[in-house]
Amino acid sequence: MDWSTFFAMGGYAEYVWPAYGIAVVVLGGLVVSSLRFRRERQRLLAALGEEKAEGYNAQGEGDD
């Protein structure tokens, strides 16, 4: 099997390669979206943790 036969996909290359391209774009978008969401949630969690720690210290709790 040579490369030109592989890339021709048995005459269906005009359908197969765009489908692969769309799949790669969609999956890449999901990865980017997931990483952004994760980063946002980590920041929110850190901010909530800081607020909680400030609340404990203001009440005199947690100062052992």
PDB file of N, CA and C in Angstrom:
ATOM      1  N   MET A   1       0.851  -1.188   0.000  1.00  0.00           N
ATOM      2  CA  MET A   1       0.000   0.000   0.000  1.00  0.00           C
ATOM      3  C   MET A   1       0.885   1.237   0.000  1.00  0.00           C
ATOM      4  N   ASP A   2       0.678   2.119  -0.954  1.00  0.00           N
ATOM      5  CA  ASP A   2       1.470   3.354  -0.997  1.00  0.00           C
ATOM      6  C   ASP A   2       0.670   4.501  -0.374  1.00  0.00           C
ATOM      7  N   TRP A   3       1.357   5.579  -0.129  1.00  0.00           N
ATOM      8  CA  TRP A   3       0.750   6.719   0.581  1.00  0.00           C
ATOM      9  C   TRP A   3      -0.356   7.394  -0.218  1.00  0.00           C
ATOM     10  N   SER A   4      -0.207   7.460  -1.527  1.00  0.00           N
ATOM     11  CA  SER A   4      -1.253   8.121  -2.316  1.00  0.00           C
ATOM     12  C   SER A   4      -2.563   7.349  -2.243  1.00  0.00           C
ATOM     13  N   THR A   5      -2.495   6.030  -2.195  1.00  0.00           N
ATOM     14  CA  THR A   5      -3.704   5.218  -2.046  1.00  0.00           C
ATOM     15  C   THR A   5      -4.336   5.465  -0.681  1.00  0.00           C
ATOM     16  N   PHE A   6      -3.479   5.545   0.329  1.00  0.00           N
ATOM     17  CA  PHE A   6      -3.983   5.806   1.679  1.00  0.00           C
ATOM     18  C   PHE A   6      -4.689   7.157   1.737  1.00  0.00           C
ATOM     19  N   PHE A   7      -4.037   8.198   1.208  1.00  0.00           N
ATOM     20  CA  PHE A   7      -4.631   9.534   1.266  1.00  0.00           C
ATOM     21  C   PHE A   7      -5.851   9.679   0.366  1.00  0.00           C
ATOM     22  N   ALA A   8      -5.980   8.860  -0.658  1.00  0.00           N
ATOM     23  CA  ALA A   8      -7.151   8.899  -1.526  1.00  0.00           C
ATOM     24  C   ALA A   8      -8.358   8.253  -0.849  1.00  0.00           C
ATOM     25  N   MET A   9      -8.125   7.418   0.134  1.00  0.00           N
ATOM     26  CA  MET A   9      -9.171   6.756   0.922  1.00  0.00           C
ATOM     27  C   MET A   9     -10.196   6.050   0.039  1.00  0.00           C
ATOM     28  N   GLY A  10      -9.696   5.378  -0.965  1.00  0.00           N
ATOM     29  CA  GLY A  10     -10.591   4.603  -1.830  1.00  0.00           C
ATOM     30  C   GLY A  10     -11.595   5.456  -2.590  1.00  0.00           C
ATOM     31  N   GLY A  11     -11.238   6.706  -2.859  1.00  0.00           N
ATOM     32  CA  GLY A  11     -12.129   7.596  -3.591  1.00  0.00           C
ATOM     33  C   GLY A  11     -13.045   8.421  -2.695  1.00  0.00           C
ATOM     34  N   TYR A  12     -12.961   8.208  -1.401  1.00  0.00           N
ATOM     35  CA  TYR A  12     -13.817   8.932  -0.461  1.00  0.00           C
ATOM     36  C   TYR A  12     -13.061   9.998   0.323  1.00  0.00           C
ATOM     37  N   ALA A  13     -11.897  10.379  -0.137  1.00  0.00           N
ATOM     38  CA  ALA A  13     -11.058  11.338   0.591  1.00  0.00           C
ATOM     39  C   ALA A  13     -11.753  12.679   0.788  1.00  0.00           C
ATOM     40  N   GLU A  14     -12.553  13.099  -0.180  1.00  0.00           N
ATOM     41  CA  GLU A  14     -13.225  14.400  -0.052  1.00  0.00           C
ATOM     42  C   GLU A  14     -14.261  14.406   1.063  1.00  0.00           C
ATOM     43  N   TYR A  15     -14.648  13.237   1.541  1.00  0.00           N
ATOM     44  CA  TYR A  15     -15.586  13.146   2.668  1.00  0.00           C
ATOM     45  C   TYR A  15     -14.860  12.802   3.976  1.00  0.00           C
ATOM     46  N   VAL A  16     -13.859  11.951   3.863  1.00  0.00           N
ATOM     47  CA  VAL A  16     -13.162  11.451   5.054  1.00  0.00           C
ATOM     48  C   VAL A  16     -12.287  12.525   5.684  1.00  0.00           C
ATOM     49  N   TRP A  17     -11.455  13.198   4.910  1.00  0.00           N
ATOM     50  CA  TRP A  17     -10.515  14.163   5.484  1.00  0.00           C
ATOM     51  C   TRP A  17     -11.198  15.368   6.121  1.00  0.00           C
ATOM     52  N   PRO A  18     -12.250  15.932   5.504  1.00  0.00           N
ATOM     53  CA  PRO A  18     -12.958  17.009   6.214  1.00  0.00           C
ATOM     54  C   PRO A  18     -13.599  16.520   7.517  1.00  0.00           C
ATOM     55  N   ALA A  19     -14.077  15.287   7.528  1.00  0.00           N
ATOM     56  CA  ALA A  19     -14.663  14.740   8.759  1.00  0.00           C
ATOM     57  C   ALA A  19     -13.588  14.632   9.841  1.00  0.00           C
ATOM     58  N   TYR A  20     -12.401  14.178   9.464  1.00  0.00           N
ATOM     59  CA  TYR A  20     -11.291  14.137  10.423  1.00  0.00           C
ATOM     60  C   TYR A  20     -10.952  15.545  10.908  1.00  0.00           C
ATOM     61  N   GLY A  21     -10.922  16.484   9.988  1.00  0.00           N
ATOM     62  CA  GLY A  21     -10.603  17.866  10.353  1.00  0.00           C
ATOM     63  C   GLY A  21     -11.619  18.448  11.327  1.00  0.00           C
ATOM     64  N   ILE A  22     -12.894  18.221  11.050  1.00  0.00           N
ATOM     65  CA  ILE A  22     -13.943  18.720  11.942  1.00  0.00           C
ATOM     66  C   ILE A  22     -13.825  18.070  13.317  1.00  0.00           C
ATOM     67  N   ALA A  23     -13.551  16.773  13.341  1.00  0.00           N
ATOM     68  CA  ALA A  23     -13.397  16.067  14.616  1.00  0.00           C
ATOM     69  C   ALA A  23     -12.230  16.627  15.416  1.00  0.00           C
ATOM     70  N   VAL A  24     -11.125  16.909  14.753  1.00  0.00           N
ATOM     71  CA  VAL A  24      -9.956  17.466  15.438  1.00  0.00           C
ATOM     72  C   VAL A  24     -10.270  18.852  15.999  1.00  0.00           C
ATOM     73  N   VAL A  25     -10.965  19.674  15.223  1.00  0.00           N
ATOM     74  CA  VAL A  25     -11.327  21.021  15.685  1.00  0.00           C
ATOM     75  C   VAL A  25     -12.263  20.944  16.887  1.00  0.00           C
ATOM     76  N   VAL A  26     -13.268  20.077  16.815  1.00  0.00           N
ATOM     77  CA  VAL A  26     -14.224  19.948  17.926  1.00  0.00           C
ATOM     78  C   VAL A  26     -13.530  19.430  19.177  1.00  0.00           C
ATOM     79  N   LEU A  27     -12.722  18.384  19.038  1.00  0.00           N
ATOM     80  CA  LEU A  27     -12.021  17.840  20.203  1.00  0.00           C
ATOM     81  C   LEU A  27     -11.024  18.846  20.774  1.00  0.00           C
ATOM     82  N   GLY A  28     -10.347  19.580  19.902  1.00  0.00           N
ATOM     83  CA  GLY A  28      -9.435  20.625  20.374  1.00  0.00           C
ATOM     84  C   GLY A  28     -10.185  21.710  21.136  1.00  0.00           C
ATOM     85  N   GLY A  29     -11.358  22.084  20.630  1.00  0.00           N
ATOM     86  CA  GLY A  29     -12.177  23.068  21.329  1.00  0.00           C
ATOM     87  C   GLY A  29     -12.623  22.577  22.694  1.00  0.00           C
ATOM     88  N   LEU A  30     -12.953  21.304  22.790  1.00  0.00           N
ATOM     89  CA  LEU A  30     -13.338  20.730  24.081  1.00  0.00           C
ATOM     90  C   LEU A  30     -12.175  20.753  25.072  1.00  0.00           C
ATOM     91  N   VAL A  31     -10.984  20.465  24.597  1.00  0.00           N
ATOM     92  CA  VAL A  31      -9.805  20.501  25.473  1.00  0.00           C
ATOM     93  C   VAL A  31      -9.567  21.921  25.971  1.00  0.00           C
ATOM     94  N   VAL A  32      -9.606  22.893  25.068  1.00  0.00           N
ATOM     95  CA  VAL A  32      -9.393  24.294  25.453  1.00  0.00           C
ATOM     96  C   VAL A  32     -10.471  24.745  26.431  1.00  0.00           C
ATOM     97  N   SER A  33     -11.710  24.420  26.133  1.00  0.00           N
ATOM     98  CA  SER A  33     -12.819  24.798  27.006  1.00  0.00           C
ATOM     99  C   SER A  33     -12.669  24.164  28.391  1.00  0.00           C
ATOM    100  N   SER A  34     -12.307  22.912  28.431  1.00  0.00           N
ATOM    101  CA  SER A  34     -12.131  22.217  29.710  1.00  0.00           C
ATOM    102  C   SER A  34     -11.003  22.821  30.524  1.00  0.00           C
ATOM    103  N   LEU A  35      -9.904  23.167  29.868  1.00  0.00           N
ATOM    104  CA  LEU A  35      -8.777  23.764  30.584  1.00  0.00           C
ATOM    105  C   LEU A  35      -9.129  25.143  31.127  1.00  0.00           C
ATOM    106  N   ARG A  36      -9.865  25.929  30.350  1.00  0.00           N
ATOM    107  CA  ARG A  36     -10.297  27.250  30.828  1.00  0.00           C
ATOM    108  C   ARG A  36     -11.243  27.115  32.019  1.00  0.00           C
ATOM    109  N   PHE A  37     -12.192  26.189  31.936  1.00  0.00           N
ATOM    110  CA  PHE A  37     -13.140  25.970  33.014  1.00  0.00           C
ATOM    111  C   PHE A  37     -12.411  25.520  34.280  1.00  0.00           C
ATOM    112  N   ARG A  38     -11.445  24.624  34.111  1.00  0.00           N
ATOM    113  CA  ARG A  38     -10.667  24.134  35.255  1.00  0.00           C
ATOM    114  C   ARG A  38      -9.898  25.267  35.909  1.00  0.00           C
ATOM    115  N   ARG A  39      -9.257  26.100  35.103  1.00  0.00           N
ATOM    116  CA  ARG A  39      -8.483  27.220  35.631  1.00  0.00           C
ATOM    117  C   ARG A  39      -9.392  28.198  36.384  1.00  0.00           C
ATOM    118  N   GLU A  40     -10.575  28.457  35.819  1.00  0.00           N
ATOM    119  CA  GLU A  40     -11.533  29.358  36.463  1.00  0.00           C
ATOM    120  C   GLU A  40     -11.988  28.788  37.807  1.00  0.00           C
ATOM    121  N   ARG A  41     -12.284  27.500  37.844  1.00  0.00           N
ATOM    122  CA  ARG A  41     -12.736  26.869  39.087  1.00  0.00           C
ATOM    123  C   ARG A  41     -11.627  26.833  40.135  1.00  0.00           C
ATOM    124  N   GLN A  42     -10.386  26.633  39.705  1.00  0.00           N
ATOM    125  CA  GLN A  42      -9.274  26.647  40.651  1.00  0.00           C
ATOM    126  C   GLN A  42      -9.125  28.033  41.276  1.00  0.00           C
ATOM    127  N   ARG A  43      -9.264  29.076  40.472  1.00  0.00           N
ATOM    128  CA  ARG A  43      -9.189  30.443  41.000  1.00  0.00           C
ATOM    129  C   ARG A  43     -10.318  30.717  41.987  1.00  0.00           C
ATOM    130  N   LEU A  44     -11.517  30.264  41.641  1.00  0.00           N
ATOM    131  CA  LEU A  44     -12.668  30.451  42.525  1.00  0.00           C
ATOM    132  C   LEU A  44     -12.458  29.704  43.843  1.00  0.00           C
ATOM    133  N   LEU A  45     -11.976  28.491  43.768  1.00  0.00           N
ATOM    134  CA  LEU A  45     -11.735  27.704  44.969  1.00  0.00           C
ATOM    135  C   LEU A  45     -10.664  28.353  45.837  1.00  0.00           C
ATOM    136  N   ALA A  46      -9.616  28.873  45.228  1.00  0.00           N
ATOM    137  CA  ALA A  46      -8.560  29.551  45.984  1.00  0.00           C
ATOM    138  C   ALA A  46      -9.117  30.804  46.661  1.00  0.00           C
ATOM    139  N   ALA A  47      -9.956  31.551  45.945  1.00  0.00           N
ATOM    140  CA  ALA A  47     -10.541  32.759  46.525  1.00  0.00           C
ATOM    141  C   ALA A  47     -11.457  32.414  47.694  1.00  0.00           C
ATOM    142  N   LEU A  48     -12.238  31.357  47.556  1.00  0.00           N
ATOM    143  CA  LEU A  48     -13.114  30.938  48.648  1.00  0.00           C
ATOM    144  C   LEU A  48     -12.303  30.461  49.849  1.00  0.00           C
ATOM    145  N   GLY A  49     -11.211  29.768  49.589  1.00  0.00           N
ATOM    146  CA  GLY A  49     -10.339  29.318  50.671  1.00  0.00           C
ATOM    147  C   GLY A  49      -9.729  30.479  51.418  1.00  0.00           C
ATOM    148  N   GLU A  50      -9.337  31.528  50.694  1.00  0.00           N
ATOM    149  CA  GLU A  50      -8.774  32.718  51.332  1.00  0.00           C
ATOM    150  C   GLU A  50      -9.833  33.434  52.173  1.00  0.00           C
ATOM    151  N   GLU A  51     -11.063  33.530  51.640  1.00  0.00           N
ATOM    152  CA  GLU A  51     -12.139  34.171  52.392  1.00  0.00           C
ATOM    153  C   GLU A  51     -12.431  33.414  53.685  1.00  0.00           C
ATOM    154  N   LYS A  52     -12.427  32.100  53.590  1.00  0.00           N
ATOM    155  CA  LYS A  52     -12.701  31.285  54.768  1.00  0.00           C
ATOM    156  C   LYS A  52     -11.601  31.459  55.804  1.00  0.00           C
ATOM    157  N   ALA A  53     -10.338  31.478  55.341  1.00  0.00           N
ATOM    158  CA  ALA A  53      -9.218  31.651  56.258  1.00  0.00           C
ATOM    159  C   ALA A  53      -9.265  33.031  56.911  1.00  0.00           C
ATOM    160  N   GLU A  54      -9.631  34.043  56.155  1.00  0.00           N
ATOM    161  CA  GLU A  54      -9.744  35.395  56.725  1.00  0.00           C
ATOM    162  C   GLU A  54     -10.865  35.444  57.755  1.00  0.00           C
ATOM    163  N   GLY A  55     -11.950  34.748  57.514  1.00  0.00           N
ATOM    164  CA  GLY A  55     -13.063  34.709  58.451  1.00  0.00           C
ATOM    165  C   GLY A  55     -12.676  34.044  59.756  1.00  0.00           C
ATOM    166  N   TYR A  56     -11.914  32.959  59.660  1.00  0.00           N
ATOM    167  CA  TYR A  56     -11.470  32.282  60.872  1.00  0.00           C
ATOM    168  C   TYR A  56     -10.520  33.167  61.667  1.00  0.00           C
ATOM    169  N   ASN A  57      -9.607  33.821  60.995  1.00  0.00           N
ATOM    170  CA  ASN A  57      -8.639  34.663  61.688  1.00  0.00           C
ATOM    171  C   ASN A  57      -9.298  35.897  62.297  1.00  0.00           C
ATOM    172  N   ALA A  58     -10.313  36.431  61.656  1.00  0.00           N
ATOM    173  CA  ALA A  58     -11.003  37.607  62.185  1.00  0.00           C
ATOM    174  C   ALA A  58     -11.795  37.256  63.461  1.00  0.00           C
ATOM    175  N   GLN A  59     -12.237  36.032  63.563  1.00  0.00           N
ATOM    176  CA  GLN A  59     -12.992  35.588  64.729  1.00  0.00           C
ATOM    177  C   GLN A  59     -12.074  35.035  65.811  1.00  0.00           C
ATOM    178  N   GLY A  60     -10.801  34.960  65.524  1.00  0.00           N
ATOM    179  CA  GLY A  60      -9.865  34.424  66.507  1.00  0.00           C
ATOM    180  C   GLY A  60      -9.813  32.907  66.495  1.00  0.00           C
ATOM    181  N   GLU A  61     -10.480  32.311  65.548  1.00  0.00           N
ATOM    182  CA  GLU A  61     -10.462  30.863  65.442  1.00  0.00           C
ATOM    183  C   GLU A  61      -9.330  30.453  64.515  1.00  0.00           C
ATOM    184  N   GLY A  62      -8.822  29.309  64.738  1.00  0.00           N
ATOM    185  CA  GLY A  62      -7.772  28.802  63.901  1.00  0.00           C
ATOM    186  C   GLY A  62      -6.400  29.358  64.221  1.00  0.00           C
ATOM    187  N   ASP A  63      -6.274  30.160  65.248  1.00  0.00           N
ATOM    188  CA  ASP A  63      -4.978  30.695  65.659  1.00  0.00           C
ATOM    189  C   ASP A  63      -4.434  29.867  66.801  1.00  0.00           C
ATOM    190  N   ASP A  64      -3.866  28.737  66.474  1.00  0.00           N
ATOM    191  CA  ASP A  64      -3.341  27.857  67.530  1.00  0.00           C
ATOM    192  C   ASP A  64      -1.883  28.074  67.769  1.00  0.00           C
TER     193      ASP A  64
END
